[in-house]
């Protein structure tokens, strides 16, 4: 990771942590347990890559930093909700996330379900608030685009295919579709959000879409490699679960060497989409190259 990218990620992660803590305040009363679970899920860990993409894409179009931060926090809430639900026994049945017990282990399954539900709905409350953007049409487009990215046409649909992968054979085409929905849809929203807030021209918005699509696949291919080659201590979660369940992944279908080559090719291809932004796209370029070299 380049020093510039490391500094930018650390700076923005701190800003996101602060924003999430403010937007998810502790609450008295009998409902406080679900808020505690929401804060447990959202605070104190994670790469914060999706909110970082929101903030970086917003900088390209001189979007108000406070507005961009609200959208960045909203997408992290959606991402954290998805992790809470994915970890449940009915889904991936994971005990560890980000180096500590998953929400259903730290609290209980019912509380974890409610905490995920509440994080999701809070995200849309944040996007719909006039504080997020003064233009109601922009807020509406952000809500619509994130709803599609998070729902059956996006992340939830991808998770359904992922669950099916345990019970039937899948080819590379279906696996690519799975990952474009489960992982790629939120990454695409994150990159496009800055363009939406900044009223970007169609050509530049399309460049960010191309970048996001290649980045999302490169990210997932690397995740599949880490599940085979990584260390649980580095990742903060169990490894080898896909193979144990007999699930098709990029690694199982392509082999580790070819999957690694494909991931690097996609990262380099992602960078080519950023040429129109010149030096302003440096952090996004560095991120694409780091994604395939990371160990966690």
C-alpha atoms as a PDB file:
ATOM      1  CA  UNK A   1       0.000   0.000   0.000  1.00  0.00           C
ATOM      2  CA  UNK A   2       1.355   3.411  -0.922  1.00  0.00           C
ATOM      3  CA  UNK A   3       1.889   5.944   1.905  1.00  0.00           C
ATOM      4  CA  UNK A   4      -0.647   8.308   0.321  1.00  0.00           C
ATOM      5  CA  UNK A   5      -3.333   5.618   0.210  1.00  0.00           C
ATOM      6  CA  UNK A   6      -2.542   4.443   3.755  1.00  0.00           C
ATOM      7  CA  UNK A   7      -2.883   7.994   5.058  1.00  0.00           C
ATOM      8  CA  UNK A   8      -6.135   8.572   3.150  1.00  0.00           C
ATOM      9  CA  UNK A   9      -7.675   5.283   4.334  1.00  0.00           C
ATOM     10  CA  UNK A  10      -6.733   5.963   7.953  1.00  0.00           C
ATOM     11  CA  UNK A  11      -8.025   9.531   7.813  1.00  0.00           C
ATOM     12  CA  UNK A  12     -11.344   8.564   6.259  1.00  0.00           C
ATOM     13  CA  UNK A  13     -11.798   5.515   8.504  1.00  0.00           C
ATOM     14  CA  UNK A  14     -11.545   7.814  11.530  1.00  0.00           C
ATOM     15  CA  UNK A  15     -14.077  10.213  10.016  1.00  0.00           C
ATOM     16  CA  UNK A  16     -16.454   7.345   9.250  1.00  0.00           C
ATOM     17  CA  UNK A  17     -16.107   5.936  12.770  1.00  0.00           C
ATOM     18  CA  UNK A  18     -16.977   9.317  14.257  1.00  0.00           C
ATOM     19  CA  UNK A  19     -19.928   9.823  11.903  1.00  0.00           C
ATOM     20  CA  UNK A  20     -21.330   6.362  12.645  1.00  0.00           C
ATOM     21  CA  UNK A  21     -21.033   6.915  16.388  1.00  0.00           C
ATOM     22  CA  UNK A  22     -23.003  10.168  16.050  1.00  0.00           C
ATOM     23  CA  UNK A  23     -25.651   8.664  13.756  1.00  0.00           C
ATOM     24  CA  UNK A  24     -26.084   5.605  15.979  1.00  0.00           C
ATOM     25  CA  UNK A  25     -26.289   7.242  19.420  1.00  0.00           C
ATOM     26  CA  UNK A  26     -26.655   5.196  22.563  1.00  0.00           C
ATOM     27  CA  UNK A  27     -30.246   5.041  23.720  1.00  0.00           C
ATOM     28  CA  UNK A  28     -31.870   4.603  27.142  1.00  0.00           C
ATOM     29  CA  UNK A  29     -34.934   2.515  27.700  1.00  0.00           C
ATOM     30  CA  UNK A  30     -35.889  -1.077  26.921  1.00  0.00           C
ATOM     31  CA  UNK A  31     -34.917  -0.749  23.235  1.00  0.00           C
ATOM     32  CA  UNK A  32     -31.300   0.054  24.099  1.00  0.00           C
ATOM     33  CA  UNK A  33     -30.178  -3.561  23.529  1.00  0.00           C
ATOM     34  CA  UNK A  34     -30.830  -3.411  19.786  1.00  0.00           C
ATOM     35  CA  UNK A  35     -28.964  -0.095  19.578  1.00  0.00           C
ATOM     36  CA  UNK A  36     -26.035  -1.631  21.448  1.00  0.00           C
ATOM     37  CA  UNK A  37     -26.010  -4.443  18.880  1.00  0.00           C
ATOM     38  CA  UNK A  38     -26.155  -1.938  16.011  1.00  0.00           C
ATOM     39  CA  UNK A  39     -23.169  -0.060  17.428  1.00  0.00           C
ATOM     40  CA  UNK A  40     -21.306  -3.309  18.059  1.00  0.00           C
ATOM     41  CA  UNK A  41     -21.812  -4.274  14.403  1.00  0.00           C
ATOM     42  CA  UNK A  42     -20.907  -0.898  12.915  1.00  0.00           C
ATOM     43  CA  UNK A  43     -18.168   0.514  15.154  1.00  0.00           C
ATOM     44  CA  UNK A  44     -14.594  -0.488  15.858  1.00  0.00           C
ATOM     45  CA  UNK A  45     -13.378  -2.335  12.810  1.00  0.00           C
ATOM     46  CA  UNK A  46     -13.430  -3.111   9.134  1.00  0.00           C
ATOM     47  CA  UNK A  47     -11.563  -1.781   6.115  1.00  0.00           C
ATOM     48  CA  UNK A  48     -14.229   0.897   5.465  1.00  0.00           C
ATOM     49  CA  UNK A  49     -13.535   0.475   1.752  1.00  0.00           C
ATOM     50  CA  UNK A  50     -17.058   1.239   0.572  1.00  0.00           C
ATOM     51  CA  UNK A  51     -17.358   4.541   2.454  1.00  0.00           C
ATOM     52  CA  UNK A  52     -13.841   5.410   1.308  1.00  0.00           C
ATOM     53  CA  UNK A  53     -15.002   4.960  -2.299  1.00  0.00           C
ATOM     54  CA  UNK A  54     -17.927   7.293  -1.641  1.00  0.00           C
ATOM     55  CA  UNK A  55     -15.655   9.962  -0.208  1.00  0.00           C
ATOM     56  CA  UNK A  56     -13.073   9.645  -2.974  1.00  0.00           C
ATOM     57  CA  UNK A  57     -15.653   9.743  -5.769  1.00  0.00           C
ATOM     58  CA  UNK A  58     -17.262  12.774  -4.128  1.00  0.00           C
ATOM     59  CA  UNK A  59     -13.913  14.587  -4.005  1.00  0.00           C
ATOM     60  CA  UNK A  60     -13.614  14.213  -7.771  1.00  0.00           C
ATOM     61  CA  UNK A  61     -16.669  16.444  -8.181  1.00  0.00           C
ATOM     62  CA  UNK A  62     -16.096  18.872  -5.284  1.00  0.00           C
ATOM     63  CA  UNK A  63     -19.062  17.576  -3.288  1.00  0.00           C
ATOM     64  CA  UNK A  64     -19.592  19.077   0.161  1.00  0.00           C
ATOM     65  CA  UNK A  65     -17.495  16.808   2.450  1.00  0.00           C
ATOM     66  CA  UNK A  66     -20.186  16.707   5.153  1.00  0.00           C
ATOM     67  CA  UNK A  67     -22.790  15.558   2.643  1.00  0.00           C
ATOM     68  CA  UNK A  68     -20.461  12.916   1.255  1.00  0.00           C
ATOM     69  CA  UNK A  69     -19.695  11.689   4.776  1.00  0.00           C
ATOM     70  CA  UNK A  70     -23.383  11.067   5.442  1.00  0.00           C
ATOM     71  CA  UNK A  71     -23.707   8.955   2.288  1.00  0.00           C
ATOM     72  CA  UNK A  72     -20.499   7.125   3.193  1.00  0.00           C
ATOM     73  CA  UNK A  73     -21.886   6.320   6.647  1.00  0.00           C
ATOM     74  CA  UNK A  74     -25.163   5.125   5.117  1.00  0.00           C
ATOM     75  CA  UNK A  75     -23.478   2.621   2.826  1.00  0.00           C
ATOM     76  CA  UNK A  76     -21.361   1.329   5.715  1.00  0.00           C
ATOM     77  CA  UNK A  77     -24.565   0.735   7.682  1.00  0.00           C
ATOM     78  CA  UNK A  78     -25.927  -1.321   4.797  1.00  0.00           C
ATOM     79  CA  UNK A  79     -22.665  -3.254   4.531  1.00  0.00           C
ATOM     80  CA  UNK A  80     -22.625  -3.939   8.282  1.00  0.00           C
ATOM     81  CA  UNK A  81     -26.257  -5.064   8.217  1.00  0.00           C
ATOM     82  CA  UNK A  82     -25.370  -7.527   5.470  1.00  0.00           C
ATOM     83  CA  UNK A  83     -22.491  -8.939   7.526  1.00  0.00           C
ATOM     84  CA  UNK A  84     -24.699  -9.363  10.595  1.00  0.00           C
ATOM     85  CA  UNK A  85     -27.272 -11.319   8.605  1.00  0.00           C
ATOM     86  CA  UNK A  86     -24.709 -13.279   6.552  1.00  0.00           C
ATOM     87  CA  UNK A  87     -23.091 -14.500   9.785  1.00  0.00           C
ATOM     88  CA  UNK A  88     -26.341 -15.968  11.156  1.00  0.00           C
ATOM     89  CA  UNK A  89     -26.646 -19.764  11.518  1.00  0.00           C
ATOM     90  CA  UNK A  90     -29.295 -19.813   8.775  1.00  0.00           C
ATOM     91  CA  UNK A  91     -26.826 -18.183   6.362  1.00  0.00           C
ATOM     92  CA  UNK A  92     -23.031 -18.627   6.597  1.00  0.00           C
ATOM     93  CA  UNK A  93     -23.027 -19.592  10.301  1.00  0.00           C
ATOM     94  CA  UNK A  94     -19.874 -17.705  11.310  1.00  0.00           C
ATOM     95  CA  UNK A  95     -18.712 -17.189  14.890  1.00  0.00           C
ATOM     96  CA  UNK A  96     -16.033 -14.533  14.275  1.00  0.00           C
ATOM     97  CA  UNK A  97     -16.064 -11.259  12.351  1.00  0.00           C
ATOM     98  CA  UNK A  98     -13.393  -8.557  12.418  1.00  0.00           C
ATOM     99  CA  UNK A  99     -11.502 -10.464  15.086  1.00  0.00           C
ATOM    100  CA  UNK A 100     -14.323 -10.714  17.619  1.00  0.00           C
ATOM    101  CA  UNK A 101     -17.562 -12.693  18.121  1.00  0.00           C
ATOM    102  CA  UNK A 102     -20.252 -12.087  15.537  1.00  0.00           C
ATOM    103  CA  UNK A 103     -23.334 -10.142  16.629  1.00  0.00           C
ATOM    104  CA  UNK A 104     -25.514 -13.205  17.156  1.00  0.00           C
ATOM    105  CA  UNK A 105     -22.788 -14.685  19.374  1.00  0.00           C
ATOM    106  CA  UNK A 106     -22.204 -11.485  21.355  1.00  0.00           C
ATOM    107  CA  UNK A 107     -25.950 -10.897  21.785  1.00  0.00           C
ATOM    108  CA  UNK A 108     -28.386 -13.507  20.394  1.00  0.00           C
ATOM    109  CA  UNK A 109     -29.913 -14.426  17.026  1.00  0.00           C
ATOM    110  CA  UNK A 110     -33.118 -12.435  17.424  1.00  0.00           C
ATOM    111  CA  UNK A 111     -31.239  -9.298  18.460  1.00  0.00           C
ATOM    112  CA  UNK A 112     -28.833  -9.748  15.538  1.00  0.00           C
ATOM    113  CA  UNK A 113     -31.731  -9.923  13.080  1.00  0.00           C
ATOM    114  CA  UNK A 114     -33.303  -6.794  14.536  1.00  0.00           C
ATOM    115  CA  UNK A 115     -29.970  -4.952  14.611  1.00  0.00           C
ATOM    116  CA  UNK A 116     -29.417  -5.720  10.925  1.00  0.00           C
ATOM    117  CA  UNK A 117     -32.942  -4.582  10.078  1.00  0.00           C
ATOM    118  CA  UNK A 118     -32.434  -1.363  12.014  1.00  0.00           C
ATOM    119  CA  UNK A 119     -29.069  -0.607  10.375  1.00  0.00           C
ATOM    120  CA  UNK A 120     -30.630  -1.029   6.942  1.00  0.00           C
ATOM    121  CA  UNK A 121     -33.565   1.254   7.652  1.00  0.00           C
ATOM    122  CA  UNK A 122     -31.345   3.829   9.382  1.00  0.00           C
ATOM    123  CA  UNK A 123     -29.220   4.009   6.237  1.00  0.00           C
ATOM    124  CA  UNK A 124     -32.201   5.039   4.139  1.00  0.00           C
ATOM    125  CA  UNK A 125     -33.308   7.512   6.802  1.00  0.00           C
ATOM    126  CA  UNK A 126     -29.882   9.155   6.513  1.00  0.00           C
ATOM    127  CA  UNK A 127     -30.028   9.302   2.703  1.00  0.00           C
ATOM    128  CA  UNK A 128     -33.529  10.797   2.697  1.00  0.00           C
ATOM    129  CA  UNK A 129     -32.644  13.548   5.196  1.00  0.00           C
ATOM    130  CA  UNK A 130     -32.202  17.029   3.633  1.00  0.00           C
ATOM    131  CA  UNK A 131     -28.902  17.304   5.520  1.00  0.00           C
ATOM    132  CA  UNK A 132     -27.482  14.729   3.098  1.00  0.00           C
ATOM    133  CA  UNK A 133     -28.080  16.897   0.028  1.00  0.00           C
ATOM    134  CA  UNK A 134     -30.051  20.045  -0.675  1.00  0.00           C
ATOM    135  CA  UNK A 135     -31.402  18.698  -3.967  1.00  0.00           C
ATOM    136  CA  UNK A 136     -34.377  16.406  -3.409  1.00  0.00           C
ATOM    137  CA  UNK A 137     -33.829  14.763  -6.789  1.00  0.00           C
ATOM    138  CA  UNK A 138     -30.314  13.782  -5.746  1.00  0.00           C
ATOM    139  CA  UNK A 139     -31.573  12.304  -2.470  1.00  0.00           C
ATOM    140  CA  UNK A 140     -34.243  10.394  -4.354  1.00  0.00           C
ATOM    141  CA  UNK A 141     -31.702   8.976  -6.809  1.00  0.00           C
ATOM    142  CA  UNK A 142     -29.387   7.946  -3.986  1.00  0.00           C
ATOM    143  CA  UNK A 143     -32.232   6.132  -2.211  1.00  0.00           C
ATOM    144  CA  UNK A 144     -33.383   4.432  -5.413  1.00  0.00           C
ATOM    145  CA  UNK A 145     -29.889   3.388  -6.476  1.00  0.00           C
ATOM    146  CA  UNK A 146     -28.937   2.009  -3.063  1.00  0.00           C
ATOM    147  CA  UNK A 147     -32.250   0.168  -2.757  1.00  0.00           C
ATOM    148  CA  UNK A 148     -31.561  -1.599  -6.042  1.00  0.00           C
ATOM    149  CA  UNK A 149     -27.956  -2.329  -5.086  1.00  0.00           C
ATOM    150  CA  UNK A 150     -28.947  -3.799  -1.715  1.00  0.00           C
ATOM    151  CA  UNK A 151     -32.074  -5.732  -2.721  1.00  0.00           C
ATOM    152  CA  UNK A 152     -33.042  -8.715  -4.842  1.00  0.00           C
ATOM    153  CA  UNK A 153     -31.497  -7.079  -7.938  1.00  0.00           C
ATOM    154  CA  UNK A 154     -28.217  -6.714  -6.069  1.00  0.00           C
ATOM    155  CA  UNK A 155     -26.709  -7.877  -2.780  1.00  0.00           C
ATOM    156  CA  UNK A 156     -29.652  -9.943  -1.519  1.00  0.00           C
ATOM    157  CA  UNK A 157     -30.016 -11.638  -4.883  1.00  0.00           C
ATOM    158  CA  UNK A 158     -26.314 -12.464  -4.834  1.00  0.00           C
ATOM    159  CA  UNK A 159     -26.616 -13.950  -1.357  1.00  0.00           C
ATOM    160  CA  UNK A 160     -29.455 -16.170  -2.592  1.00  0.00           C
ATOM    161  CA  UNK A 161     -27.258 -17.491  -5.406  1.00  0.00           C
ATOM    162  CA  UNK A 162     -24.458 -17.968  -2.870  1.00  0.00           C
ATOM    163  CA  UNK A 163     -26.680 -20.124  -0.676  1.00  0.00           C
ATOM    164  CA  UNK A 164     -27.696 -22.172  -3.722  1.00  0.00           C
ATOM    165  CA  UNK A 165     -24.017 -22.710  -4.525  1.00  0.00           C
ATOM    166  CA  UNK A 166     -23.823 -25.176  -1.639  1.00  0.00           C
ATOM    167  CA  UNK A 167     -26.376 -27.461  -3.272  1.00  0.00           C
ATOM    168  CA  UNK A 168     -25.635 -27.449  -7.002  1.00  0.00           C
ATOM    169  CA  UNK A 169     -22.800 -27.091  -9.463  1.00  0.00           C
ATOM    170  CA  UNK A 170     -22.123 -23.627 -10.848  1.00  0.00           C
ATOM    171  CA  UNK A 171     -20.036 -22.473 -13.765  1.00  0.00           C
ATOM    172  CA  UNK A 172     -17.864 -19.385 -13.995  1.00  0.00           C
ATOM    173  CA  UNK A 173     -20.658 -17.320 -15.548  1.00  0.00           C
ATOM    174  CA  UNK A 174     -22.974 -17.865 -12.598  1.00  0.00           C
ATOM    175  CA  UNK A 175     -20.174 -17.217 -10.105  1.00  0.00           C
ATOM    176  CA  UNK A 176     -19.384 -13.919 -11.830  1.00  0.00           C
ATOM    177  CA  UNK A 177     -23.066 -12.965 -11.670  1.00  0.00           C
ATOM    178  CA  UNK A 178     -23.192 -13.963  -7.999  1.00  0.00           C
ATOM    179  CA  UNK A 179     -20.260 -11.715  -7.142  1.00  0.00           C
ATOM    180  CA  UNK A 180     -21.407  -8.788  -9.289  1.00  0.00           C
ATOM    181  CA  UNK A 181     -24.599  -8.833  -7.238  1.00  0.00           C
ATOM    182  CA  UNK A 182     -23.426  -9.822  -3.745  1.00  0.00           C
ATOM    183  CA  UNK A 183     -20.198  -7.823  -3.613  1.00  0.00           C
ATOM    184  CA  UNK A 184     -20.088  -5.654  -6.714  1.00  0.00           C
ATOM    185  CA  UNK A 185     -23.461  -3.915  -6.441  1.00  0.00           C
ATOM    186  CA  UNK A 186     -22.583  -1.999  -3.257  1.00  0.00           C
ATOM    187  CA  UNK A 187     -19.128  -1.149  -4.593  1.00  0.00           C
ATOM    188  CA  UNK A 188     -20.776   0.186  -7.737  1.00  0.00           C
ATOM    189  CA  UNK A 189     -23.127   2.346  -5.678  1.00  0.00           C
ATOM    190  CA  UNK A 190     -20.214   3.628  -3.592  1.00  0.00           C
ATOM    191  CA  UNK A 191     -18.309   4.786  -6.676  1.00  0.00           C
ATOM    192  CA  UNK A 192     -21.380   6.217  -8.377  1.00  0.00           C
ATOM    193  CA  UNK A 193     -22.665   8.089  -5.331  1.00  0.00           C
ATOM    194  CA  UNK A 194     -20.105  10.876  -5.645  1.00  0.00           C
ATOM    195  CA  UNK A 195     -21.045  11.362  -9.281  1.00  0.00           C
ATOM    196  CA  UNK A 196     -24.735  11.541  -8.345  1.00  0.00           C
ATOM    197  CA  UNK A 197     -24.118  14.124  -5.620  1.00  0.00           C
ATOM    198  CA  UNK A 198     -21.850  16.131  -7.900  1.00  0.00           C
ATOM    199  CA  UNK A 199     -24.163  16.132 -10.936  1.00  0.00           C
ATOM    200  CA  UNK A 200     -21.336  14.557 -12.949  1.00  0.00           C
ATOM    201  CA  UNK A 201     -21.563  14.309 -16.750  1.00  0.00           C
ATOM    202  CA  UNK A 202     -22.555  10.913 -18.149  1.00  0.00           C
ATOM    203  CA  UNK A 203     -19.083  10.161 -19.503  1.00  0.00           C
ATOM    204  CA  UNK A 204     -17.380  10.537 -16.111  1.00  0.00           C
ATOM    205  CA  UNK A 205     -20.137   8.668 -14.337  1.00  0.00           C
ATOM    206  CA  UNK A 206     -19.711   5.781 -16.777  1.00  0.00           C
ATOM    207  CA  UNK A 207     -15.955   5.797 -16.150  1.00  0.00           C
ATOM    208  CA  UNK A 208     -16.582   5.310 -12.434  1.00  0.00           C
ATOM    209  CA  UNK A 209     -19.053   2.510 -13.180  1.00  0.00           C
ATOM    210  CA  UNK A 210     -16.431   0.703 -15.252  1.00  0.00           C
ATOM    211  CA  UNK A 211     -13.861   1.156 -12.501  1.00  0.00           C
ATOM    212  CA  UNK A 212     -16.270  -0.164  -9.865  1.00  0.00           C
ATOM    213  CA  UNK A 213     -17.255  -3.251 -11.845  1.00  0.00           C
ATOM    214  CA  UNK A 214     -13.648  -4.324 -12.364  1.00  0.00           C
ATOM    215  CA  UNK A 215     -12.697  -3.424  -8.788  1.00  0.00           C
ATOM    216  CA  UNK A 216     -15.563  -5.474  -7.356  1.00  0.00           C
ATOM    217  CA  UNK A 217     -14.558  -8.629  -9.211  1.00  0.00           C
ATOM    218  CA  UNK A 218     -10.870  -8.158  -8.360  1.00  0.00           C
ATOM    219  CA  UNK A 219     -11.814  -7.695  -4.703  1.00  0.00           C
ATOM    220  CA  UNK A 220     -13.889 -10.888  -4.627  1.00  0.00           C
ATOM    221  CA  UNK A 221     -11.290 -12.969  -6.432  1.00  0.00           C
ATOM    222  CA  UNK A 222      -8.783 -11.879  -3.811  1.00  0.00           C
ATOM    223  CA  UNK A 223     -11.253 -12.738  -1.039  1.00  0.00           C
ATOM    224  CA  UNK A 224     -11.600 -16.236  -2.517  1.00  0.00           C
ATOM    225  CA  UNK A 225      -7.812 -16.573  -2.579  1.00  0.00           C
ATOM    226  CA  UNK A 226      -7.555 -15.406   1.031  1.00  0.00           C
ATOM    227  CA  UNK A 227     -10.146 -17.988   2.092  1.00  0.00           C
ATOM    228  CA  UNK A 228      -7.749 -20.634   0.738  1.00  0.00           C
ATOM    229  CA  UNK A 229      -4.350 -19.081   1.479  1.00  0.00           C
ATOM    230  CA  UNK A 230      -5.002 -16.537   4.253  1.00  0.00           C
ATOM    231  CA  UNK A 231      -4.648 -16.761   8.023  1.00  0.00           C
ATOM    232  CA  UNK A 232      -7.628 -16.455  10.335  1.00  0.00           C
ATOM    233  CA  UNK A 233      -5.641 -14.105  12.574  1.00  0.00           C
ATOM    234  CA  UNK A 234      -5.023 -11.703   9.712  1.00  0.00           C
ATOM    235  CA  UNK A 235      -8.569 -11.879   8.368  1.00  0.00           C
ATOM    236  CA  UNK A 236     -10.390 -11.772  11.696  1.00  0.00           C
ATOM    237  CA  UNK A 237     -12.674 -14.616  10.597  1.00  0.00           C
ATOM    238  CA  UNK A 238     -12.538 -18.318   9.802  1.00  0.00           C
ATOM    239  CA  UNK A 239     -10.850 -19.512   6.603  1.00  0.00           C
ATOM    240  CA  UNK A 240     -11.416 -22.543   4.391  1.00  0.00           C
ATOM    241  CA  UNK A 241     -15.190 -22.495   4.812  1.00  0.00           C
ATOM    242  CA  UNK A 242     -16.027 -22.400   1.094  1.00  0.00           C
ATOM    243  CA  UNK A 243     -14.006 -25.519   0.370  1.00  0.00           C
ATOM    244  CA  UNK A 244     -15.441 -27.290   3.418  1.00  0.00           C
ATOM    245  CA  UNK A 245     -18.942 -26.665   2.095  1.00  0.00           C
ATOM    246  CA  UNK A 246     -18.047 -27.612  -1.448  1.00  0.00           C
ATOM    247  CA  UNK A 247     -19.015 -24.179  -2.767  1.00  0.00           C
ATOM    248  CA  UNK A 248     -17.831 -23.106  -6.188  1.00  0.00           C
ATOM    249  CA  UNK A 249     -15.588 -20.031  -6.095  1.00  0.00           C
ATOM    250  CA  UNK A 250     -13.233 -18.305  -8.501  1.00  0.00           C
ATOM    251  CA  UNK A 251     -10.397 -20.336  -6.981  1.00  0.00           C
ATOM    252  CA  UNK A 252     -12.143 -23.703  -7.202  1.00  0.00           C
ATOM    253  CA  UNK A 253     -13.113 -23.086 -10.832  1.00  0.00           C
ATOM    254  CA  UNK A 254      -9.992 -21.323 -12.116  1.00  0.00           C
ATOM    255  CA  UNK A 255      -7.275 -22.526  -9.753  1.00  0.00           C
ATOM    256  CA  UNK A 256      -5.317 -20.215  -7.465  1.00  0.00           C
ATOM    257  CA  UNK A 257      -2.716 -19.120 -10.016  1.00  0.00           C
ATOM    258  CA  UNK A 258      -5.229 -18.224 -12.708  1.00  0.00           C
ATOM    259  CA  UNK A 259      -7.558 -16.510 -10.219  1.00  0.00           C
ATOM    260  CA  UNK A 260      -4.626 -14.406  -9.004  1.00  0.00           C
ATOM    261  CA  UNK A 261      -3.693 -13.466 -12.568  1.00  0.00           C
ATOM    262  CA  UNK A 262      -7.307 -12.544 -13.332  1.00  0.00           C
ATOM    263  CA  UNK A 263      -7.549 -10.414 -10.211  1.00  0.00           C
ATOM    264  CA  UNK A 264      -4.418  -8.460 -11.178  1.00  0.00           C
ATOM    265  CA  UNK A 265      -5.677  -8.043 -14.727  1.00  0.00           C
ATOM    266  CA  UNK A 266      -8.996  -6.688 -13.451  1.00  0.00           C
ATOM    267  CA  UNK A 267      -7.223  -4.280 -11.079  1.00  0.00           C
ATOM    268  CA  UNK A 268      -5.098  -2.930 -13.922  1.00  0.00           C
ATOM    269  CA  UNK A 269      -8.188  -2.685 -16.115  1.00  0.00           C
ATOM    270  CA  UNK A 270      -9.988  -0.768 -13.355  1.00  0.00           C
ATOM    271  CA  UNK A 271      -7.167   1.780 -13.354  1.00  0.00           C
ATOM    272  CA  UNK A 272      -7.606   2.462 -17.064  1.00  0.00           C
ATOM    273  CA  UNK A 273     -11.129   3.766 -16.412  1.00  0.00           C
ATOM    274  CA  UNK A 274      -9.675   6.559 -14.272  1.00  0.00           C
ATOM    275  CA  UNK A 275      -7.576   8.233 -16.968  1.00  0.00           C
ATOM    276  CA  UNK A 276     -10.160  10.976 -17.386  1.00  0.00           C
ATOM    277  CA  UNK A 277      -9.579  12.109 -13.803  1.00  0.00           C
ATOM    278  CA  UNK A 278      -5.819  12.596 -14.087  1.00  0.00           C
ATOM    279  CA  UNK A 279      -3.937  13.116 -10.838  1.00  0.00           C
ATOM    280  CA  UNK A 280      -7.203  13.478  -8.917  1.00  0.00           C
ATOM    281  CA  UNK A 281      -7.818   9.756  -9.322  1.00  0.00           C
ATOM    282  CA  UNK A 282      -4.542   8.711  -7.649  1.00  0.00           C
ATOM    283  CA  UNK A 283      -6.077   7.245  -4.490  1.00  0.00           C
ATOM    284  CA  UNK A 284      -8.638   5.263  -6.462  1.00  0.00           C
ATOM    285  CA  UNK A 285      -5.859   3.916  -8.682  1.00  0.00           C
ATOM    286  CA  UNK A 286      -3.759   2.964  -5.658  1.00  0.00           C
ATOM    287  CA  UNK A 287      -6.765   1.289  -4.050  1.00  0.00           C
ATOM    288  CA  UNK A 288      -7.374  -0.949  -7.071  1.00  0.00           C
ATOM    289  CA  UNK A 289      -3.775  -2.126  -7.028  1.00  0.00           C
ATOM    290  CA  UNK A 290      -3.769  -2.642  -3.256  1.00  0.00           C
ATOM    291  CA  UNK A 291      -6.991  -4.661  -3.292  1.00  0.00           C
ATOM    292  CA  UNK A 292      -5.255  -7.580  -5.015  1.00  0.00           C
ATOM    293  CA  UNK A 293      -2.162  -7.433  -2.791  1.00  0.00           C
ATOM    294  CA  UNK A 294      -3.890  -7.246   0.595  1.00  0.00           C
ATOM    295  CA  UNK A 295      -3.607  -9.990   3.195  1.00  0.00           C
ATOM    296  CA  UNK A 296      -6.805  -9.210   5.082  1.00  0.00           C
END
